[in-house]
Amino acid sequence: MSASTTGRVRRGTALVAAAPVVVAVLTSLALAVLSLRRFARFDPSSWDNAIFEQALQSYADRGWPLVEIKGPGYNLLGDHFHPAIALLTPVYALVPSAQTLLIAQVVAIGVGVAVVGRLAARELGPWSGVAVALAMGLSFGVQSAVVADFHEVALGVPLLALAGAAYVRRDWRAVALWSLPLLLVKEDLGLTIAVIGAVVWLGGARRIGAALAAAGVLGWVLVVTVLLPALNTSGGYDYTGNLGGDDGVLGTLFTDVDVKLGTVLLTLGVTAFAACWSPWVLLVLPTFAWRFVGAVPFYWGTEWHYSLLLMPVVFVAMVDGLVRLRRRSTPAVWRVARWVPAVAVAVALVRLPTSPLGDLADPATYETPVRAQAAQGAVDRVPSGSSVVADIATLTHLVTDRDAYWIGTVTPDARPDYVLVEAGQYGSPTDAAAWATETFGVPYDLVHLDEGFQLAARR
C-alpha cells in the first residue's frame, strides 16, 4: 500500500471515529438554540435556573451556596446535595449570566452523547455510532431536561456515560472511578452507585463490585441522614415526606399506573428495547423507584429533567446488549438485530416534529413576542445593583446583576427597592404596589406598566 493510500485510509478512519462527536456537537447546538430562544422569549419552566445562578454567585463570594430566592440565608446544599455544581463557578465568573448555566447544561449533555456515540462506533461500527449518538441527542429525556432549564443532574450525564463505556470494556476500576463522583451530583445517586456495584459484581469483579455497592449505600445514608439535615434550616431532609404521601408507598405506586407504565415503556423504547439485553439497564431501577413512590405527579411522566440521567444508562445498555447478542446469536439473528440503532433513530425522528426541538422549524420561535418585549422592558427598568422581588416570569432574567428574591419566600424585613410581577400570573398579586406596601410596611409606587407587567418602586 502506497504512502498516499495509507494517508487516505488514516484520514478516513479519523473521520469515521469523529462522526459521533460531530453528531453530538450538532445536536448540542440545536439544543442550545432551543434553550436560548426559550430564555429570550421569557418562557420560564420554573425558578430553578435563577436558584442555581444565585448559588454560583454565593459560591464565589462566600464559599457556600446561600440562596435568598429559597429563603433568608438558605443553604442550597441542605435542599439537594450537589456540591459538584461548584465546578461551574470559574466558568460563571468568566461569563456571569443566566445563559451560562443553560449552555453548561447543553455542553455536559453533549459530552455524554459523544462518549456513548463513540462507544457504539467502536463496538458496533461507525454508522451505529452515528445512529446511537443521534438517537440519544434527540431523546425525550434530553429534550425535556433542556426545556426545564439548568439542573444539577446534567453534570451526571458524562459521568454515567463514561462509567457505562468502561463497563462495556469490562474495565472495572474505571467503572468505579467514574461512578463514585455521582455522590456529589445529587443525593439519590448513591443508590444508583450501589446498583452499578451490583452489576459489576455480576460481571465477575466481586471485590470491586461489593466495595462500590457498599460505598453507594453508605454514601447515600450519610448524605440523607447526616449532611442534608445538618445543612437544612429545618434540620431534616425536605423530601422525605414525598415518599408515599397521604396514600402510602403502595397506594402512590399504583396511582396513575398508565402514566408510569408509559414512562417506563418510552424510556426503554427509545432503544428499541435493546437495553433490556444488558444488566446495565438495572441502573434505571433506583430512579424509577423514588419517582413512582413519590407523591409528586411531576415525577411520574416524561416531562421535566427527571429522565435525563436515564438516557446515558439505556443507550449504553443498548450498546452492551447488542454486543452480547452478537456474540451469542446466530448470523441470521444478528443480521436483523444490527438494525436496532437505525430503529432507535427512527423512533427519535418520528417524535421530533411534536417534541421541543420541533419548535426550531417554526419561524415564530425566532421572533420576540409582545409579551417578551414587555417583560424585557420591565426588567431593563430595574437598575443594576438594586434589590428586587419578582415572580417566575422574570426572576431568571434579574439574578445576574441584582439582589433577587422570589415573591413566595421573601420576608417583610427585606424591603426591596423594586417589585416586578406579571399581574395575576404565577400566583402573583394583581396590584404590585399595593401588595408591596402591605407586605413590607413602606410605601411603593407603580412606576411601569406594560402588558400586565407591573414594576413598583419603594418611595
Protein backbone atom coordinates (compact mmCIF):
# COMPACT_ATOMS: atom_id res chain seq x y z
CA MET A 1 0.00 0.00 0.00
CA SER A 2 1.44 3.36 -1.03
CA ALA A 3 2.05 6.18 1.43
CA SER A 4 -0.71 8.26 -0.16
CA THR A 5 -3.19 5.39 0.11
CA THR A 6 -2.22 4.81 3.73
CA GLY A 7 -2.74 8.50 4.44
CA ARG A 8 -6.20 8.44 2.89
CA VAL A 9 -7.14 5.37 4.92
CA ARG A 10 -5.97 7.03 8.13
CA ARG A 11 -7.88 10.21 7.33
CA GLY A 12 -10.96 8.16 6.54
CA THR A 13 -10.61 6.26 9.81
CA ALA A 14 -10.24 9.52 11.72
CA LEU A 15 -13.36 10.94 10.07
CA VAL A 16 -15.35 7.83 10.92
CA ALA A 17 -14.17 7.99 14.54
CA ALA A 18 -15.11 11.66 14.72
CA ALA A 19 -18.58 11.20 13.23
CA PRO A 20 -20.40 10.53 16.55
CA VAL A 21 -18.67 13.56 18.04
CA VAL A 22 -19.84 15.69 15.12
CA VAL A 23 -23.39 14.44 15.69
CA ALA A 24 -23.08 15.26 19.39
CA VAL A 25 -21.90 18.78 18.57
CA LEU A 26 -24.71 19.37 16.08
CA THR A 27 -27.43 18.11 18.41
CA SER A 28 -25.94 20.19 21.23
CA LEU A 29 -26.05 23.28 19.04
CA ALA A 30 -29.71 22.63 18.28
CA LEU A 31 -30.44 22.15 21.99
CA ALA A 32 -28.56 25.35 22.80
CA VAL A 33 -30.60 27.33 20.27
CA LEU A 34 -33.81 25.90 21.75
CA SER A 35 -32.76 26.78 25.29
CA LEU A 36 -31.58 30.30 24.44
CA ARG A 37 -34.68 31.09 22.40
CA ARG A 38 -36.91 29.98 25.26
CA PHE A 39 -34.95 32.28 27.54
CA ALA A 40 -35.23 35.22 25.14
CA ARG A 41 -38.96 34.63 24.77
CA PHE A 42 -39.46 34.60 28.56
CA ASP A 43 -40.78 31.03 28.60
CA PRO A 44 -39.77 30.01 32.13
CA SER A 45 -40.25 26.45 33.31
CA SER A 46 -39.58 27.23 36.96
CA TRP A 47 -37.37 29.25 39.24
CA ASP A 48 -34.57 26.67 39.23
CA ASN A 49 -32.20 28.38 36.81
CA ALA A 50 -32.32 31.51 38.97
CA ILE A 51 -31.67 29.43 42.07
CA PHE A 52 -28.58 27.78 40.61
CA GLU A 53 -27.24 31.07 39.29
CA GLN A 54 -27.58 32.65 42.72
CA ALA A 55 -25.86 29.59 44.19
CA LEU A 56 -22.85 30.07 41.90
CA GLN A 57 -22.65 33.73 42.86
CA SER A 58 -22.61 32.75 46.52
CA TYR A 59 -20.01 30.02 45.99
CA ALA A 60 -17.73 32.68 44.51
CA ASP A 61 -18.40 35.29 47.19
CA ARG A 62 -18.86 33.22 50.35
CA GLY A 63 -17.77 29.66 49.60
CA TRP A 64 -21.29 28.40 50.35
CA PRO A 65 -24.38 28.33 48.09
CA LEU A 66 -26.60 30.68 50.08
CA VAL A 67 -29.72 31.35 48.02
CA GLU A 68 -32.06 34.15 49.10
CA ILE A 69 -34.59 33.08 46.47
CA LYS A 70 -35.28 29.97 48.57
CA GLY A 71 -35.42 31.96 51.80
CA PRO A 72 -33.26 34.15 54.06
CA GLY A 73 -29.76 32.66 54.26
CA TYR A 74 -30.93 29.39 52.73
CA ASN A 75 -28.05 26.95 52.16
CA LEU A 76 -28.85 25.15 48.93
CA LEU A 77 -26.76 22.14 49.98
CA GLY A 78 -29.47 21.48 52.55
CA ASP A 79 -32.07 21.20 49.80
CA HIS A 80 -30.35 18.74 47.47
CA PHE A 81 -26.76 17.61 47.92
CA HIS A 82 -25.00 18.76 44.76
CA PRO A 83 -21.56 20.24 45.57
CA ALA A 84 -20.49 19.31 42.03
CA ILE A 85 -22.11 22.48 40.69
CA ALA A 86 -19.32 24.46 42.37
CA LEU A 87 -17.16 23.31 39.45
CA LEU A 88 -19.09 25.77 37.29
CA THR A 89 -18.09 28.75 39.45
CA PRO A 90 -14.98 29.69 37.39
CA VAL A 91 -16.98 29.41 34.17
CA TYR A 92 -19.70 31.61 35.59
CA ALA A 93 -17.10 34.10 36.81
CA LEU A 94 -15.86 34.46 33.22
CA VAL A 95 -19.35 34.83 31.74
CA PRO A 96 -21.78 35.83 34.52
CA SER A 97 -25.23 35.33 33.04
CA ALA A 98 -28.23 33.05 33.26
CA GLN A 99 -27.43 31.76 29.78
CA THR A 100 -24.08 30.43 31.01
CA LEU A 101 -25.88 27.77 33.01
CA LEU A 102 -28.09 26.87 30.06
CA ILE A 103 -25.05 26.40 27.83
CA ALA A 104 -23.17 24.48 30.54
CA GLN A 105 -26.02 22.01 30.71
CA VAL A 106 -26.04 21.50 26.96
CA VAL A 107 -22.26 21.00 26.93
CA ALA A 108 -22.47 18.36 29.67
CA ILE A 109 -25.18 16.55 27.73
CA GLY A 110 -23.17 16.82 24.53
CA VAL A 111 -20.12 15.24 26.16
CA GLY A 112 -22.27 12.33 27.30
CA VAL A 113 -23.74 11.89 23.82
CA ALA A 114 -20.25 11.92 22.27
CA VAL A 115 -18.97 9.30 24.72
CA VAL A 116 -21.89 6.95 24.10
CA GLY A 117 -21.74 7.53 20.34
CA ARG A 118 -18.03 6.73 20.18
CA LEU A 119 -18.63 3.64 22.32
CA ALA A 120 -21.23 2.45 19.81
CA ALA A 121 -18.91 3.19 16.89
CA ARG A 122 -16.09 1.20 18.45
CA GLU A 123 -18.25 -1.78 19.39
CA LEU A 124 -20.81 -1.89 16.58
CA GLY A 125 -19.39 0.08 13.69
CA PRO A 126 -19.28 3.72 12.51
CA TRP A 127 -22.85 4.03 11.31
CA SER A 128 -24.14 2.56 14.54
CA GLY A 129 -22.12 5.18 16.39
CA VAL A 130 -23.77 7.95 14.41
CA ALA A 131 -27.21 6.41 14.93
CA VAL A 132 -26.81 5.96 18.68
CA ALA A 133 -25.46 9.49 19.14
CA LEU A 134 -28.36 10.93 17.17
CA ALA A 135 -30.97 8.84 18.99
CA MET A 136 -29.62 9.86 22.39
CA GLY A 137 -29.21 13.52 21.48
CA LEU A 138 -32.81 13.69 20.27
CA SER A 139 -34.25 11.55 23.08
CA PHE A 140 -37.17 12.76 25.16
CA GLY A 141 -35.12 12.71 28.36
CA VAL A 142 -32.57 15.10 26.91
CA GLN A 143 -35.08 17.47 25.32
CA SER A 144 -37.31 17.61 28.40
CA ALA A 145 -34.33 18.45 30.59
CA VAL A 146 -33.23 21.29 28.32
CA VAL A 147 -36.74 22.75 28.31
CA ALA A 148 -36.70 22.62 32.13
CA ASP A 149 -33.58 24.87 32.21
CA PHE A 150 -30.42 24.07 34.19
CA HIS A 151 -30.40 21.35 36.82
CA GLU A 152 -27.53 19.72 38.66
CA VAL A 153 -28.25 16.28 37.19
CA ALA A 154 -26.79 17.44 33.87
CA LEU A 155 -23.33 17.03 35.43
CA GLY A 156 -24.06 13.35 35.91
CA VAL A 157 -24.61 12.67 32.21
CA PRO A 158 -20.91 12.47 31.21
CA LEU A 159 -20.07 10.52 34.37
CA LEU A 160 -22.70 7.86 33.67
CA ALA A 161 -21.67 7.74 30.02
CA LEU A 162 -18.00 7.23 30.92
CA ALA A 163 -18.83 4.67 33.60
CA GLY A 164 -21.02 2.83 31.10
CA ALA A 165 -18.34 2.86 28.42
CA ALA A 166 -15.90 1.40 30.94
CA TYR A 167 -18.45 -1.28 31.81
CA VAL A 168 -18.78 -2.35 28.18
CA ARG A 169 -14.96 -2.58 28.02
CA ARG A 170 -15.04 -4.57 31.30
CA ASP A 171 -12.64 -2.05 32.82
CA TRP A 172 -13.99 -2.44 36.34
CA ARG A 173 -11.63 0.00 38.03
CA ALA A 174 -12.62 2.76 35.59
CA VAL A 175 -16.29 1.98 36.21
CA ALA A 176 -15.75 2.63 39.91
CA LEU A 177 -13.70 5.79 39.39
CA TRP A 178 -16.29 7.35 37.07
CA SER A 179 -19.21 6.27 39.26
CA LEU A 180 -18.14 7.49 42.69
CA PRO A 181 -18.27 11.24 41.84
CA LEU A 182 -22.01 10.80 41.26
CA LEU A 183 -22.34 11.12 45.05
CA LEU A 184 -21.51 14.81 44.57
CA VAL A 185 -24.12 15.35 41.84
CA LYS A 186 -27.31 14.52 43.74
CA GLU A 187 -28.12 12.64 46.91
CA ASP A 188 -30.21 9.84 45.38
CA LEU A 189 -27.38 8.77 43.07
CA GLY A 190 -25.75 6.85 45.90
CA LEU A 191 -28.39 4.20 45.24
CA THR A 192 -27.52 4.22 41.55
CA ILE A 193 -23.87 3.67 42.50
CA ALA A 194 -24.97 0.73 44.63
CA VAL A 195 -26.70 -0.84 41.62
CA ILE A 196 -23.60 -0.20 39.50
CA GLY A 197 -21.66 -2.12 42.13
CA ALA A 198 -24.14 -4.98 41.93
CA VAL A 199 -23.87 -5.08 38.13
CA VAL A 200 -20.07 -5.08 38.34
CA TRP A 201 -20.28 -7.90 40.88
CA LEU A 202 -22.48 -9.88 38.48
CA GLY A 203 -19.89 -9.23 35.79
CA GLY A 204 -17.30 -11.13 37.80
CA ALA A 205 -15.41 -8.34 39.59
CA ARG A 206 -16.60 -9.40 43.02
CA ARG A 207 -14.31 -7.26 45.17
CA ILE A 208 -14.72 -4.01 43.22
CA GLY A 209 -18.44 -4.59 42.82
CA ALA A 210 -19.01 -5.21 46.52
CA ALA A 211 -16.91 -2.21 47.51
CA LEU A 212 -18.72 0.03 45.04
CA ALA A 213 -22.14 -1.14 46.21
CA ALA A 214 -21.17 -0.57 49.84
CA ALA A 215 -19.79 2.89 49.05
CA GLY A 216 -23.01 3.82 47.27
CA VAL A 217 -25.26 2.73 50.12
CA LEU A 218 -23.09 4.23 52.85
CA GLY A 219 -22.69 7.47 50.90
CA TRP A 220 -26.43 7.74 50.40
CA VAL A 221 -27.13 7.09 54.09
CA LEU A 222 -24.50 9.63 55.16
CA VAL A 223 -25.84 12.34 52.86
CA VAL A 224 -29.54 11.82 53.58
CA THR A 225 -29.36 11.23 57.32
CA VAL A 226 -26.40 13.42 58.35
CA LEU A 227 -25.26 16.02 55.82
CA LEU A 228 -28.59 17.20 54.44
CA PRO A 229 -30.23 17.59 57.88
CA ALA A 230 -27.13 19.39 59.17
CA LEU A 231 -27.25 21.88 56.30
CA ASN A 232 -31.03 22.26 56.13
CA THR A 233 -32.66 25.13 58.01
CA SER A 234 -35.36 22.77 59.32
CA GLY A 235 -32.86 20.16 60.49
CA GLY A 236 -34.25 17.43 58.23
CA TYR A 237 -34.47 16.23 54.66
CA ASP A 238 -37.19 18.20 52.88
CA TYR A 239 -38.24 15.41 50.52
CA THR A 240 -38.77 12.53 52.96
CA GLY A 241 -42.46 13.39 53.12
CA ASN A 242 -42.79 12.89 49.37
CA LEU A 243 -42.33 9.13 49.73
CA GLY A 244 -45.82 7.71 49.70
CA GLY A 245 -47.53 10.89 50.77
CA ASP A 246 -51.05 10.52 52.18
CA ASP A 247 -51.72 7.30 50.23
CA GLY A 248 -48.69 5.41 51.48
CA VAL A 249 -45.92 3.90 49.38
CA LEU A 250 -48.03 1.16 47.78
CA GLY A 251 -51.01 3.43 47.24
CA THR A 252 -48.86 6.01 45.49
CA LEU A 253 -47.02 3.35 43.49
CA PHE A 254 -50.30 2.18 41.96
CA THR A 255 -51.64 5.68 41.35
CA ASP A 256 -51.78 6.66 37.65
CA VAL A 257 -50.20 3.38 36.66
CA ASP A 258 -50.84 4.14 32.99
CA VAL A 259 -48.65 7.25 33.18
CA LYS A 260 -45.86 5.42 34.96
CA LEU A 261 -46.03 2.45 32.62
CA GLY A 262 -45.86 4.84 29.68
CA THR A 263 -42.72 6.41 31.15
CA VAL A 264 -41.07 3.00 31.52
CA LEU A 265 -42.04 1.91 28.02
CA LEU A 266 -40.80 5.13 26.42
CA THR A 267 -37.55 5.04 28.41
CA LEU A 268 -36.80 1.57 27.12
CA GLY A 269 -38.49 2.12 23.77
CA VAL A 270 -36.03 4.81 22.69
CA THR A 271 -33.52 1.96 22.39
CA ALA A 272 -36.00 -0.32 20.58
CA PHE A 273 -35.94 -2.24 23.89
CA ALA A 274 -32.42 -3.48 23.17
CA ALA A 275 -31.35 -2.00 26.52
CA CYS A 276 -33.19 -4.90 28.16
CA TRP A 277 -30.48 -7.29 26.89
CA SER A 278 -27.88 -5.80 29.24
CA PRO A 279 -27.57 -5.91 33.06
CA TRP A 280 -26.59 -2.22 32.86
CA VAL A 281 -30.28 -1.39 32.38
CA LEU A 282 -30.81 -2.22 36.06
CA LEU A 283 -29.46 1.26 36.82
CA VAL A 284 -32.87 2.68 35.96
CA LEU A 285 -34.46 0.98 38.98
CA PRO A 286 -33.48 3.41 41.78
CA THR A 287 -34.66 6.42 39.78
CA PHE A 288 -37.94 4.77 38.82
CA ALA A 289 -38.41 3.67 42.44
CA TRP A 290 -38.17 7.10 44.06
CA ARG A 291 -40.12 8.74 41.26
CA PHE A 292 -43.02 6.30 41.26
CA VAL A 293 -43.48 6.15 45.03
CA GLY A 294 -43.07 9.91 45.32
CA ALA A 295 -46.35 11.73 45.86
CA VAL A 296 -45.47 14.33 43.24
CA PRO A 297 -47.22 13.85 39.87
CA PHE A 298 -44.39 15.71 38.11
CA TYR A 299 -42.13 12.75 38.91
CA TRP A 300 -44.25 10.19 37.09
CA GLY A 301 -44.28 11.35 33.48
CA THR A 302 -41.75 12.14 30.80
CA GLU A 303 -41.55 15.90 31.32
CA TRP A 304 -39.01 17.94 33.28
CA HIS A 305 -35.47 16.75 33.95
CA TYR A 306 -36.26 13.54 35.81
CA SER A 307 -35.43 11.22 32.90
CA LEU A 308 -32.18 12.90 31.86
CA LEU A 309 -29.83 10.57 33.73
CA LEU A 310 -31.69 7.55 32.40
CA MET A 311 -30.67 8.39 28.83
CA PRO A 312 -26.93 7.58 29.09
CA VAL A 313 -27.93 4.48 31.06
CA VAL A 314 -30.32 3.00 28.50
CA PHE A 315 -28.21 3.88 25.46
CA VAL A 316 -25.09 2.33 26.99
CA ALA A 317 -27.25 -0.68 27.88
CA MET A 318 -28.39 -0.83 24.25
CA VAL A 319 -24.80 -0.95 23.01
CA ASP A 320 -23.83 -3.55 25.59
CA GLY A 321 -26.93 -5.59 24.83
CA LEU A 322 -26.18 -5.64 21.12
CA VAL A 323 -22.56 -6.63 21.77
CA ARG A 324 -23.77 -9.52 23.92
CA LEU A 325 -26.33 -10.56 21.32
CA ARG A 326 -23.76 -10.51 18.52
CA ARG A 327 -21.51 -12.85 20.50
CA ARG A 328 -24.25 -15.32 21.36
CA SER A 329 -26.68 -15.24 18.44
CA THR A 330 -26.65 -16.88 15.06
CA PRO A 331 -25.64 -14.85 12.00
CA ALA A 332 -29.27 -14.78 10.88
CA VAL A 333 -30.41 -13.22 14.15
CA TRP A 334 -27.59 -10.68 14.08
CA ARG A 335 -28.44 -9.62 10.54
CA VAL A 336 -31.77 -8.41 11.94
CA ALA A 337 -30.52 -7.12 15.31
CA ARG A 338 -27.79 -4.99 13.75
CA TRP A 339 -30.53 -2.62 12.57
CA VAL A 340 -31.61 -1.76 16.11
CA PRO A 341 -29.67 1.56 16.18
CA ALA A 342 -31.44 2.59 12.98
CA VAL A 343 -34.78 1.76 14.61
CA ALA A 344 -33.80 3.91 17.60
CA VAL A 345 -33.11 6.83 15.26
CA ALA A 346 -36.43 6.25 13.52
CA VAL A 347 -38.22 6.44 16.89
CA ALA A 348 -36.48 9.74 17.64
CA LEU A 349 -37.26 11.19 14.21
CA VAL A 350 -40.93 10.18 14.35
CA ARG A 351 -41.28 12.02 17.66
CA LEU A 352 -39.23 15.01 16.53
CA PRO A 353 -41.98 17.20 14.96
CA THR A 354 -44.02 17.19 18.18
CA SER A 355 -41.01 17.41 20.51
CA PRO A 356 -39.48 20.63 21.86
CA LEU A 357 -36.82 20.59 19.14
CA GLY A 358 -39.62 20.62 16.61
CA ASP A 359 -40.15 24.27 17.58
CA LEU A 360 -36.92 25.13 15.77
CA ALA A 361 -38.77 24.62 12.49
CA ASP A 362 -41.35 27.23 13.48
CA PRO A 363 -40.43 30.79 12.39
CA ALA A 364 -42.27 32.14 15.44
CA THR A 365 -39.55 30.64 17.62
CA TYR A 366 -37.11 33.26 16.35
CA GLU A 367 -39.47 36.18 16.88
CA THR A 368 -39.81 38.16 20.09
CA PRO A 369 -43.49 38.26 21.06
CA VAL A 370 -45.14 41.31 22.54
CA ARG A 371 -45.19 39.73 25.99
CA ALA A 372 -41.44 39.12 25.91
CA GLN A 373 -40.77 42.67 24.75
CA ALA A 374 -42.86 43.99 27.63
CA ALA A 375 -41.09 41.73 30.12
CA GLN A 376 -37.66 42.81 28.90
CA GLY A 377 -38.70 46.44 29.10
CA ALA A 378 -39.75 45.98 32.71
CA VAL A 379 -36.51 44.16 33.57
CA ASP A 380 -34.48 46.95 31.99
CA ARG A 381 -36.16 49.45 34.32
CA VAL A 382 -34.63 47.70 37.35
CA PRO A 383 -31.16 49.23 37.88
CA SER A 384 -28.11 47.02 38.21
CA GLY A 385 -27.15 46.50 41.85
CA SER A 386 -30.64 47.12 43.20
CA SER A 387 -32.76 44.66 45.15
CA VAL A 388 -35.91 43.28 43.56
CA VAL A 389 -38.70 40.85 44.34
CA ALA A 390 -40.08 39.03 41.31
CA ASP A 391 -42.23 36.12 40.25
CA ILE A 392 -41.17 33.27 37.99
CA ALA A 393 -41.95 35.26 34.84
CA THR A 394 -38.84 37.45 35.16
CA LEU A 395 -36.82 36.04 38.06
CA THR A 396 -34.29 34.22 35.86
CA HIS A 397 -33.60 37.46 33.96
CA LEU A 398 -32.93 39.51 37.10
CA VAL A 399 -30.46 37.47 39.14
CA THR A 400 -27.24 38.19 37.27
CA ASP A 401 -26.59 41.73 38.50
CA ARG A 402 -29.30 42.36 41.08
CA ASP A 403 -30.18 41.09 44.55
CA ALA A 404 -33.21 39.00 43.64
CA TYR A 405 -35.90 37.48 45.83
CA TRP A 406 -38.89 35.32 44.97
CA ILE A 407 -42.31 36.65 45.78
CA GLY A 408 -43.27 33.42 47.56
CA THR A 409 -40.40 33.34 50.08
CA VAL A 410 -39.38 36.95 50.64
CA THR A 411 -39.76 38.20 54.22
CA PRO A 412 -41.13 41.61 55.31
CA ASP A 413 -37.75 42.84 56.52
CA ALA A 414 -36.27 42.58 53.00
CA ARG A 415 -37.85 45.89 51.88
CA PRO A 416 -36.53 45.63 48.31
CA ASP A 417 -36.01 48.59 46.03
CA TYR A 418 -38.41 47.15 43.45
CA VAL A 419 -41.19 44.62 43.00
CA LEU A 420 -41.76 43.21 39.50
CA VAL A 421 -44.63 40.86 38.72
CA GLU A 422 -46.75 39.67 35.85
CA ALA A 423 -50.02 40.62 37.49
CA GLY A 424 -52.27 37.70 38.31
CA GLN A 425 -49.85 35.12 36.89
CA TYR A 426 -47.69 32.57 38.72
CA GLY A 427 -49.58 33.29 41.93
CA SER A 428 -48.66 36.96 41.79
CA PRO A 429 -50.83 39.82 43.08
CA THR A 430 -52.91 41.89 40.71
CA ASP A 431 -51.59 45.15 42.22
CA ALA A 432 -47.82 45.14 42.77
CA ALA A 433 -47.63 48.48 44.58
CA ALA A 434 -50.45 47.68 47.00
CA TRP A 435 -49.05 44.23 47.73
CA ALA A 436 -45.54 45.59 48.31
CA THR A 437 -46.78 48.39 50.57
CA GLU A 438 -48.75 45.92 52.68
CA THR A 439 -46.03 43.26 52.77
CA PHE A 440 -43.02 45.43 53.56
CA GLY A 441 -44.69 48.18 55.56
CA VAL A 442 -43.28 51.05 53.48
CA PRO A 443 -44.92 52.86 50.54
CA TYR A 444 -44.37 51.66 46.97
CA ASP A 445 -45.49 53.36 43.77
CA LEU A 446 -46.26 51.86 40.38
CA VAL A 447 -43.58 53.17 38.01
CA HIS A 448 -44.02 50.92 34.98
CA LEU A 449 -46.93 49.04 33.43
CA ASP A 450 -46.89 47.14 30.15
CA GLU A 451 -48.80 44.04 29.00
CA GLY A 452 -49.58 43.08 32.59
CA PHE A 453 -46.03 43.53 33.86
CA GLN A 454 -46.10 45.83 36.87
CA LEU A 455 -43.00 47.40 38.37
CA ALA A 456 -43.36 49.08 41.75
CA ALA A 457 -40.58 51.14 43.33
CA ARG A 458 -40.04 51.91 47.00
CA ARG A 459 -40.86 55.56 47.66
